[in-house]
């Protein structure tokens, strides 16, 4: 039995989501954000996702939000409306407990139910664990962009992986 549950996003999750994301902005190149977004900016983004009906899932353990995942349009133009990009973030102290796998599993289910046909993962190339979990789910490498993100005084490549839903 797992020590976490998955559920739909609730507004009370915003502070925890902001704290989780802050860690990745300040300490990693997993995101190319260089400034930590405010809680109000995150709430605005999530309000938009909710309005669109896009999947937005939270992992909870011991009554605390420990991770989250969402899928939203890969690009804003109408022709891309059936293609989504996934995002999954975990509190660093809960990695390795299967929560990321559970979030991705549920995200795929909800993305299919929404009507997305393709999912794209855009991952910093040296993030082996993120690439590996996507590969385990059947994502395939479809591209690499070299030196497109500059963070922490160095250039980072990104890879694109894709899965038909």
N, C-alpha and C. Protein backbone atom coordinates (compact mmCIF):
# COMPACT_ATOMS: atom_id res chain seq x y z
N UNK A 1 0.85 -1.19 0.00
CA UNK A 1 0.00 0.00 0.00
C UNK A 1 0.89 1.25 0.00
N UNK A 2 0.52 2.22 -0.80
CA UNK A 2 1.32 3.44 -0.89
C UNK A 2 1.00 4.39 0.26
N UNK A 3 1.93 5.27 0.51
CA UNK A 3 1.74 6.25 1.58
C UNK A 3 1.37 7.62 1.00
N UNK A 4 0.79 7.61 -0.17
CA UNK A 4 0.34 8.85 -0.82
C UNK A 4 -0.95 8.57 -1.57
N UNK A 5 -1.66 9.63 -1.87
CA UNK A 5 -2.86 9.52 -2.70
C UNK A 5 -2.79 10.58 -3.79
N UNK A 6 -3.47 10.31 -4.86
CA UNK A 6 -3.61 11.27 -5.94
C UNK A 6 -5.01 11.83 -5.91
N UNK A 7 -5.12 13.10 -6.22
CA UNK A 7 -6.44 13.74 -6.25
C UNK A 7 -6.36 14.94 -7.20
N UNK A 8 -7.50 15.54 -7.43
CA UNK A 8 -7.55 16.73 -8.27
C UNK A 8 -7.04 17.94 -7.48
N UNK A 9 -6.50 18.88 -8.18
CA UNK A 9 -6.01 20.13 -7.61
C UNK A 9 -7.11 20.84 -6.83
N UNK A 10 -6.72 21.47 -5.72
CA UNK A 10 -7.59 22.33 -4.94
C UNK A 10 -6.85 23.65 -4.71
N UNK A 11 -7.58 24.73 -4.53
CA UNK A 11 -6.94 26.04 -4.38
C UNK A 11 -5.98 26.09 -3.20
N UNK A 12 -6.23 25.32 -2.16
CA UNK A 12 -5.33 25.30 -1.02
C UNK A 12 -3.96 24.69 -1.32
N UNK A 13 -3.81 24.08 -2.50
CA UNK A 13 -2.53 23.49 -2.90
C UNK A 13 -1.54 24.53 -3.42
N UNK A 14 -2.01 25.72 -3.73
CA UNK A 14 -1.14 26.71 -4.37
C UNK A 14 0.13 26.99 -3.57
N UNK A 15 0.09 27.25 -2.26
CA UNK A 15 1.35 27.52 -1.55
C UNK A 15 2.35 26.37 -1.63
N UNK A 16 1.89 25.14 -1.50
CA UNK A 16 2.79 23.99 -1.58
C UNK A 16 3.36 23.83 -2.99
N UNK A 17 2.51 24.01 -4.00
CA UNK A 17 2.98 23.93 -5.38
C UNK A 17 4.02 25.02 -5.64
N UNK A 18 3.76 26.20 -5.15
CA UNK A 18 4.72 27.30 -5.32
C UNK A 18 6.06 26.96 -4.65
N UNK A 19 6.01 26.36 -3.47
CA UNK A 19 7.24 25.99 -2.76
C UNK A 19 8.00 24.89 -3.51
N UNK A 20 7.28 23.91 -4.02
CA UNK A 20 7.92 22.84 -4.79
C UNK A 20 8.59 23.42 -6.02
N UNK A 21 7.86 24.23 -6.75
CA UNK A 21 8.40 24.80 -7.99
C UNK A 21 9.58 25.72 -7.69
N UNK A 22 9.51 26.47 -6.60
CA UNK A 22 10.59 27.37 -6.21
C UNK A 22 11.92 26.60 -6.11
N UNK A 23 11.88 25.43 -5.51
CA UNK A 23 13.09 24.61 -5.39
C UNK A 23 13.71 24.37 -6.77
N UNK A 24 12.89 24.00 -7.74
CA UNK A 24 13.40 23.67 -9.07
C UNK A 24 13.91 24.90 -9.81
N UNK A 25 13.25 26.03 -9.62
CA UNK A 25 13.71 27.26 -10.25
C UNK A 25 15.07 27.67 -9.70
N UNK A 26 15.20 27.61 -8.38
CA UNK A 26 16.43 28.09 -7.72
C UNK A 26 17.60 27.12 -7.77
N UNK A 27 17.33 25.84 -7.93
CA UNK A 27 18.40 24.85 -7.77
C UNK A 27 18.65 23.94 -8.97
N UNK A 28 17.83 24.01 -10.00
CA UNK A 28 17.99 23.08 -11.12
C UNK A 28 17.76 23.78 -12.45
N UNK A 29 18.13 23.08 -13.50
CA UNK A 29 17.81 23.53 -14.85
C UNK A 29 16.66 22.71 -15.43
N UNK A 30 15.91 22.03 -14.55
CA UNK A 30 14.74 21.28 -15.01
C UNK A 30 13.72 22.24 -15.61
N UNK A 31 13.60 23.41 -15.02
CA UNK A 31 12.80 24.48 -15.60
C UNK A 31 13.75 25.58 -16.03
N UNK A 32 13.42 26.25 -17.11
CA UNK A 32 14.24 27.36 -17.54
C UNK A 32 13.76 28.69 -16.96
N UNK A 33 12.76 28.65 -16.08
CA UNK A 33 12.42 29.86 -15.33
C UNK A 33 13.64 30.24 -14.50
N UNK A 34 13.95 31.52 -14.48
CA UNK A 34 15.07 32.00 -13.68
C UNK A 34 14.61 32.85 -12.51
N UNK A 35 13.35 33.22 -12.51
CA UNK A 35 12.74 33.96 -11.40
C UNK A 35 11.59 33.12 -10.86
N UNK A 36 11.51 33.04 -9.54
CA UNK A 36 10.45 32.26 -8.90
C UNK A 36 9.12 32.99 -9.08
N UNK A 37 8.11 32.31 -9.65
CA UNK A 37 6.81 32.97 -9.79
C UNK A 37 6.12 33.10 -8.44
N UNK A 38 5.35 34.13 -8.30
CA UNK A 38 4.60 34.35 -7.05
C UNK A 38 3.45 33.34 -6.96
N UNK A 39 2.93 33.20 -5.77
CA UNK A 39 1.76 32.33 -5.59
C UNK A 39 0.60 32.82 -6.44
N UNK A 40 0.45 34.13 -6.57
CA UNK A 40 -0.66 34.64 -7.39
C UNK A 40 -0.45 34.31 -8.87
N UNK A 41 0.80 34.31 -9.34
CA UNK A 41 1.07 33.93 -10.73
C UNK A 41 0.75 32.46 -10.95
N UNK A 42 1.10 31.63 -9.99
CA UNK A 42 0.80 30.20 -10.10
C UNK A 42 -0.72 29.99 -10.06
N UNK A 43 -1.40 30.69 -9.17
CA UNK A 43 -2.87 30.57 -9.09
C UNK A 43 -3.50 30.99 -10.41
N UNK A 44 -3.00 32.05 -11.02
CA UNK A 44 -3.53 32.50 -12.31
C UNK A 44 -3.33 31.44 -13.38
N UNK A 45 -2.14 30.84 -13.41
CA UNK A 45 -1.85 29.79 -14.39
C UNK A 45 -2.79 28.60 -14.19
N UNK A 46 -2.99 28.21 -12.94
CA UNK A 46 -3.83 27.06 -12.67
C UNK A 46 -5.30 27.37 -12.91
N UNK A 47 -5.71 28.58 -12.68
CA UNK A 47 -7.09 28.98 -13.01
C UNK A 47 -7.33 28.80 -14.50
N UNK A 48 -6.33 29.16 -15.30
CA UNK A 48 -6.43 29.00 -16.75
C UNK A 48 -6.55 27.52 -17.11
N UNK A 49 -5.71 26.67 -16.50
CA UNK A 49 -5.78 25.23 -16.76
C UNK A 49 -7.15 24.67 -16.39
N UNK A 50 -7.67 25.10 -15.26
CA UNK A 50 -8.99 24.64 -14.82
C UNK A 50 -10.08 25.09 -15.78
N UNK A 51 -10.00 26.33 -16.24
CA UNK A 51 -10.98 26.85 -17.20
C UNK A 51 -10.98 26.02 -18.47
N UNK A 52 -9.79 25.59 -18.90
CA UNK A 52 -9.68 24.78 -20.11
C UNK A 52 -10.11 23.33 -19.87
N UNK A 53 -10.18 22.93 -18.61
CA UNK A 53 -10.52 21.55 -18.28
C UNK A 53 -9.35 20.59 -18.39
N UNK A 54 -8.15 21.12 -18.45
CA UNK A 54 -6.96 20.28 -18.60
C UNK A 54 -6.64 19.52 -17.31
N UNK A 55 -6.01 18.36 -17.44
CA UNK A 55 -5.66 17.57 -16.26
C UNK A 55 -4.71 18.32 -15.32
N UNK A 56 -5.04 18.30 -14.05
CA UNK A 56 -4.24 18.95 -13.01
C UNK A 56 -4.37 18.10 -11.75
N UNK A 57 -3.32 17.35 -11.45
CA UNK A 57 -3.36 16.31 -10.42
C UNK A 57 -2.36 16.64 -9.32
N UNK A 58 -2.73 16.31 -8.09
CA UNK A 58 -1.87 16.55 -6.93
C UNK A 58 -1.61 15.22 -6.23
N UNK A 59 -0.38 15.04 -5.76
CA UNK A 59 -0.04 13.91 -4.89
C UNK A 59 0.03 14.43 -3.47
N UNK A 60 -0.61 13.70 -2.58
CA UNK A 60 -0.68 14.10 -1.17
C UNK A 60 -0.16 12.97 -0.29
N UNK A 61 0.60 13.33 0.73
CA UNK A 61 1.09 12.35 1.69
C UNK A 61 1.06 12.99 3.07
N UNK A 62 0.47 12.30 4.02
CA UNK A 62 0.39 12.84 5.37
C UNK A 62 -0.32 14.17 5.44
N UNK A 63 -1.29 14.37 4.56
CA UNK A 63 -2.04 15.62 4.54
C UNK A 63 -1.32 16.78 3.87
N UNK A 64 -0.15 16.51 3.28
CA UNK A 64 0.62 17.57 2.62
C UNK A 64 0.72 17.31 1.12
N UNK A 65 0.72 18.37 0.35
CA UNK A 65 0.94 18.28 -1.09
C UNK A 65 2.43 18.03 -1.31
N UNK A 66 2.74 16.90 -1.97
CA UNK A 66 4.14 16.53 -2.17
C UNK A 66 4.53 16.46 -3.64
N UNK A 67 3.59 16.66 -4.53
CA UNK A 67 3.88 16.64 -5.95
C UNK A 67 2.66 17.03 -6.75
N UNK A 68 2.89 17.32 -8.02
CA UNK A 68 1.78 17.69 -8.89
C UNK A 68 2.16 17.43 -10.33
N UNK A 69 1.15 17.31 -11.15
CA UNK A 69 1.34 17.09 -12.58
C UNK A 69 0.20 17.76 -13.33
N UNK A 70 0.51 18.23 -14.51
CA UNK A 70 -0.54 18.76 -15.38
C UNK A 70 -0.15 18.57 -16.83
N UNK A 71 -1.15 18.62 -17.68
CA UNK A 71 -0.95 18.57 -19.12
C UNK A 71 -1.74 19.73 -19.70
N UNK A 72 -1.10 20.43 -20.61
CA UNK A 72 -1.78 21.53 -21.28
C UNK A 72 -1.25 21.65 -22.70
N UNK A 73 -1.89 22.51 -23.45
CA UNK A 73 -1.53 22.65 -24.86
C UNK A 73 -0.03 22.77 -25.06
N UNK A 74 0.49 22.02 -26.02
CA UNK A 74 1.90 22.08 -26.38
C UNK A 74 2.26 23.46 -26.93
N UNK A 75 1.40 23.99 -27.74
CA UNK A 75 1.55 25.34 -28.29
C UNK A 75 0.15 25.97 -28.35
N UNK A 76 0.07 27.30 -28.35
CA UNK A 76 -1.25 27.95 -28.26
C UNK A 76 -2.09 27.96 -29.53
N UNK A 77 -1.50 27.74 -30.69
CA UNK A 77 -2.29 27.81 -31.92
C UNK A 77 -3.30 26.66 -32.00
N UNK A 78 -4.43 26.93 -32.62
CA UNK A 78 -5.55 25.98 -32.65
C UNK A 78 -5.18 24.63 -33.23
N UNK A 79 -4.32 24.58 -34.20
CA UNK A 79 -3.96 23.31 -34.82
C UNK A 79 -3.28 22.35 -33.84
N UNK A 80 -2.72 22.88 -32.75
CA UNK A 80 -2.06 22.05 -31.74
C UNK A 80 -3.03 21.58 -30.64
N UNK A 81 -4.31 21.84 -30.77
CA UNK A 81 -5.25 21.62 -29.66
C UNK A 81 -5.37 20.17 -29.21
N UNK A 82 -4.89 19.22 -30.01
CA UNK A 82 -4.95 17.82 -29.61
C UNK A 82 -3.60 17.30 -29.11
N UNK A 83 -2.64 18.20 -28.97
CA UNK A 83 -1.30 17.83 -28.51
C UNK A 83 -1.01 18.57 -27.21
N UNK A 84 -0.57 17.82 -26.21
CA UNK A 84 -0.28 18.43 -24.92
C UNK A 84 1.18 18.21 -24.54
N UNK A 85 1.61 19.01 -23.60
CA UNK A 85 2.93 18.86 -22.98
C UNK A 85 2.69 18.54 -21.51
N UNK A 86 3.45 17.60 -20.98
CA UNK A 86 3.28 17.23 -19.58
C UNK A 86 4.30 17.94 -18.70
N UNK A 87 3.92 18.14 -17.45
CA UNK A 87 4.81 18.69 -16.42
C UNK A 87 4.55 17.93 -15.13
N UNK A 88 5.63 17.48 -14.51
CA UNK A 88 5.53 16.73 -13.25
C UNK A 88 6.63 17.24 -12.32
N UNK A 89 6.23 17.60 -11.11
CA UNK A 89 7.19 18.08 -10.11
C UNK A 89 6.91 17.41 -8.77
N UNK A 90 7.98 17.00 -8.10
CA UNK A 90 7.87 16.38 -6.78
C UNK A 90 8.68 17.16 -5.76
N UNK A 91 8.20 17.17 -4.54
CA UNK A 91 9.02 17.70 -3.46
C UNK A 91 10.27 16.82 -3.40
N UNK A 92 11.45 17.41 -3.29
CA UNK A 92 12.69 16.61 -3.37
C UNK A 92 12.77 15.45 -2.38
N UNK A 93 12.20 15.59 -1.21
CA UNK A 93 12.31 14.54 -0.20
C UNK A 93 11.41 13.33 -0.45
N UNK A 94 10.57 13.37 -1.48
CA UNK A 94 9.69 12.23 -1.75
C UNK A 94 10.07 11.49 -3.04
N UNK A 95 11.16 11.88 -3.65
CA UNK A 95 11.60 11.18 -4.87
C UNK A 95 11.94 9.73 -4.54
N UNK A 96 11.71 8.86 -5.53
CA UNK A 96 12.05 7.46 -5.36
C UNK A 96 10.99 6.62 -4.69
N UNK A 97 9.82 7.18 -4.46
CA UNK A 97 8.73 6.45 -3.80
C UNK A 97 7.62 6.05 -4.77
N UNK A 98 7.84 6.26 -6.07
CA UNK A 98 6.84 5.88 -7.06
C UNK A 98 5.78 6.93 -7.32
N UNK A 99 5.92 8.09 -6.72
CA UNK A 99 4.90 9.14 -6.87
C UNK A 99 4.92 9.72 -8.28
N UNK A 100 6.11 9.94 -8.83
CA UNK A 100 6.21 10.45 -10.20
C UNK A 100 5.58 9.49 -11.20
N UNK A 101 5.83 8.21 -11.03
CA UNK A 101 5.24 7.19 -11.90
C UNK A 101 3.72 7.21 -11.78
N UNK A 102 3.22 7.30 -10.56
CA UNK A 102 1.77 7.34 -10.35
C UNK A 102 1.16 8.60 -10.97
N UNK A 103 1.83 9.73 -10.81
CA UNK A 103 1.32 10.98 -11.41
C UNK A 103 1.28 10.87 -12.93
N UNK A 104 2.34 10.34 -13.53
CA UNK A 104 2.36 10.22 -14.98
C UNK A 104 1.30 9.23 -15.46
N UNK A 105 1.12 8.14 -14.75
CA UNK A 105 0.08 7.17 -15.11
C UNK A 105 -1.29 7.84 -15.15
N UNK A 106 -1.63 8.57 -14.09
CA UNK A 106 -2.93 9.24 -14.02
C UNK A 106 -3.02 10.37 -15.03
N UNK A 107 -1.93 11.06 -15.26
CA UNK A 107 -1.92 12.16 -16.23
C UNK A 107 -2.23 11.62 -17.63
N UNK A 108 -1.68 10.48 -17.97
CA UNK A 108 -1.97 9.87 -19.28
C UNK A 108 -3.45 9.51 -19.39
N UNK A 109 -4.00 8.93 -18.33
CA UNK A 109 -5.43 8.57 -18.33
C UNK A 109 -6.29 9.81 -18.54
N UNK A 110 -6.03 10.85 -17.75
CA UNK A 110 -6.85 12.06 -17.84
C UNK A 110 -6.63 12.81 -19.16
N UNK A 111 -5.43 12.76 -19.68
CA UNK A 111 -5.15 13.44 -20.96
C UNK A 111 -5.90 12.76 -22.11
N UNK A 112 -5.93 11.43 -22.08
CA UNK A 112 -6.71 10.71 -23.10
C UNK A 112 -8.19 11.05 -22.97
N UNK A 113 -8.69 11.05 -21.73
CA UNK A 113 -10.10 11.35 -21.49
C UNK A 113 -10.45 12.76 -21.95
N UNK A 114 -9.51 13.69 -21.80
CA UNK A 114 -9.75 15.06 -22.24
C UNK A 114 -9.88 15.13 -23.76
N UNK A 115 -9.17 14.26 -24.46
CA UNK A 115 -9.20 14.28 -25.92
C UNK A 115 -7.86 14.60 -26.56
N UNK A 116 -6.82 14.72 -25.74
CA UNK A 116 -5.50 14.90 -26.32
C UNK A 116 -5.12 13.62 -27.08
N UNK A 117 -4.41 13.77 -28.19
CA UNK A 117 -4.00 12.62 -29.01
C UNK A 117 -2.51 12.35 -28.93
N UNK A 118 -1.73 13.37 -28.62
CA UNK A 118 -0.28 13.24 -28.52
C UNK A 118 0.18 13.96 -27.25
N UNK A 119 1.19 13.39 -26.59
CA UNK A 119 1.81 14.07 -25.45
C UNK A 119 3.29 14.26 -25.76
N UNK A 120 3.76 15.47 -25.53
CA UNK A 120 5.16 15.81 -25.72
C UNK A 120 5.78 16.08 -24.36
N UNK A 121 6.95 15.51 -24.14
CA UNK A 121 7.73 15.81 -22.94
C UNK A 121 8.94 16.63 -23.39
N UNK A 122 9.09 17.80 -22.84
CA UNK A 122 10.23 18.68 -23.14
C UNK A 122 11.11 18.66 -21.89
N UNK A 123 12.27 18.03 -22.01
CA UNK A 123 13.09 17.73 -20.84
C UNK A 123 14.51 18.23 -21.04
N UNK A 124 15.07 18.86 -20.02
CA UNK A 124 16.47 19.25 -20.06
C UNK A 124 17.29 17.97 -20.27
N UNK A 125 18.19 18.00 -21.24
CA UNK A 125 18.85 16.78 -21.72
C UNK A 125 19.64 16.02 -20.66
N UNK A 126 20.14 16.71 -19.64
CA UNK A 126 20.93 15.99 -18.63
C UNK A 126 20.08 15.54 -17.43
N UNK A 127 18.77 15.52 -17.61
CA UNK A 127 17.86 15.06 -16.55
C UNK A 127 17.50 13.60 -16.81
N UNK A 128 18.45 12.72 -16.53
CA UNK A 128 18.33 11.30 -16.88
C UNK A 128 17.09 10.65 -16.27
N UNK A 129 16.75 10.98 -15.02
CA UNK A 129 15.60 10.31 -14.40
C UNK A 129 14.29 10.68 -15.08
N UNK A 130 14.14 11.91 -15.50
CA UNK A 130 12.91 12.31 -16.19
C UNK A 130 12.82 11.65 -17.56
N UNK A 131 13.93 11.59 -18.25
CA UNK A 131 13.94 10.93 -19.55
C UNK A 131 13.62 9.45 -19.38
N UNK A 132 14.24 8.81 -18.40
CA UNK A 132 14.05 7.37 -18.18
C UNK A 132 12.60 7.02 -17.87
N UNK A 133 11.95 7.79 -17.01
CA UNK A 133 10.56 7.46 -16.68
C UNK A 133 9.67 7.60 -17.90
N UNK A 134 9.91 8.62 -18.71
CA UNK A 134 9.10 8.77 -19.92
C UNK A 134 9.35 7.61 -20.89
N UNK A 135 10.60 7.20 -21.03
CA UNK A 135 10.90 6.06 -21.90
C UNK A 135 10.21 4.79 -21.41
N UNK A 136 10.16 4.57 -20.10
CA UNK A 136 9.50 3.39 -19.53
C UNK A 136 8.02 3.36 -19.88
N UNK A 137 7.44 4.54 -20.06
CA UNK A 137 6.02 4.62 -20.41
C UNK A 137 5.78 4.53 -21.91
N UNK A 138 6.85 4.45 -22.69
CA UNK A 138 6.69 4.30 -24.14
C UNK A 138 6.91 5.56 -24.94
N UNK A 139 7.34 6.64 -24.29
CA UNK A 139 7.69 7.84 -25.05
C UNK A 139 8.94 7.54 -25.89
N UNK A 140 9.00 8.13 -27.08
CA UNK A 140 10.17 7.95 -27.93
C UNK A 140 10.82 9.30 -28.20
N UNK A 141 12.12 9.28 -28.38
CA UNK A 141 12.87 10.50 -28.67
C UNK A 141 12.52 10.97 -30.07
N UNK A 142 12.16 12.25 -30.19
CA UNK A 142 11.83 12.80 -31.50
C UNK A 142 12.66 14.03 -31.84
N UNK A 143 13.47 14.50 -30.90
CA UNK A 143 14.29 15.65 -31.23
C UNK A 143 15.15 16.13 -30.08
N UNK A 144 16.15 16.90 -30.44
CA UNK A 144 17.05 17.51 -29.47
C UNK A 144 17.40 18.90 -29.97
N UNK A 145 17.28 19.86 -29.07
CA UNK A 145 17.69 21.23 -29.37
C UNK A 145 18.93 21.52 -28.53
N UNK A 146 19.97 21.96 -29.19
CA UNK A 146 21.24 22.17 -28.49
C UNK A 146 21.38 23.61 -28.01
N UNK A 147 21.84 23.73 -26.77
CA UNK A 147 22.21 25.02 -26.19
C UNK A 147 21.11 26.07 -26.33
N UNK A 148 19.88 25.71 -25.98
CA UNK A 148 18.77 26.64 -26.12
C UNK A 148 18.39 27.34 -24.82
N UNK A 149 18.86 26.84 -23.69
CA UNK A 149 18.55 27.47 -22.41
C UNK A 149 19.84 27.80 -21.67
N UNK A 150 19.94 29.04 -21.18
CA UNK A 150 21.13 29.46 -20.44
C UNK A 150 20.72 29.70 -18.99
N UNK A 151 21.22 28.85 -18.11
CA UNK A 151 20.90 28.95 -16.70
C UNK A 151 22.09 28.44 -15.90
N UNK A 152 22.35 29.08 -14.77
CA UNK A 152 23.48 28.73 -13.90
C UNK A 152 24.80 28.78 -14.67
N UNK A 153 24.94 29.82 -15.48
CA UNK A 153 26.18 30.11 -16.20
C UNK A 153 26.59 29.03 -17.20
N UNK A 154 25.62 28.30 -17.71
CA UNK A 154 25.95 27.36 -18.78
C UNK A 154 24.74 27.12 -19.67
N UNK A 155 25.04 26.63 -20.87
CA UNK A 155 24.00 26.32 -21.84
C UNK A 155 23.48 24.92 -21.62
N UNK A 156 22.17 24.75 -21.84
CA UNK A 156 21.53 23.45 -21.65
C UNK A 156 20.80 23.06 -22.94
N UNK A 157 20.89 21.78 -23.26
CA UNK A 157 20.13 21.20 -24.36
C UNK A 157 18.77 20.72 -23.81
N UNK A 158 17.82 20.60 -24.69
CA UNK A 158 16.56 19.97 -24.33
C UNK A 158 16.27 18.84 -25.31
N UNK A 159 15.58 17.84 -24.83
CA UNK A 159 15.13 16.75 -25.70
C UNK A 159 13.61 16.75 -25.72
N UNK A 160 13.07 16.33 -26.84
CA UNK A 160 11.63 16.16 -26.97
C UNK A 160 11.37 14.67 -27.08
N UNK A 161 10.45 14.20 -26.26
CA UNK A 161 9.96 12.83 -26.35
C UNK A 161 8.47 12.91 -26.63
N UNK A 162 7.95 11.93 -27.33
CA UNK A 162 6.55 11.98 -27.74
C UNK A 162 5.90 10.62 -27.56
N UNK A 163 4.62 10.66 -27.21
CA UNK A 163 3.83 9.44 -27.09
C UNK A 163 2.45 9.67 -27.67
N UNK A 164 2.01 8.74 -28.48
CA UNK A 164 0.64 8.80 -28.98
C UNK A 164 -0.28 8.32 -27.87
N UNK A 165 -1.31 9.11 -27.61
CA UNK A 165 -2.28 8.74 -26.58
C UNK A 165 -3.40 7.95 -27.22
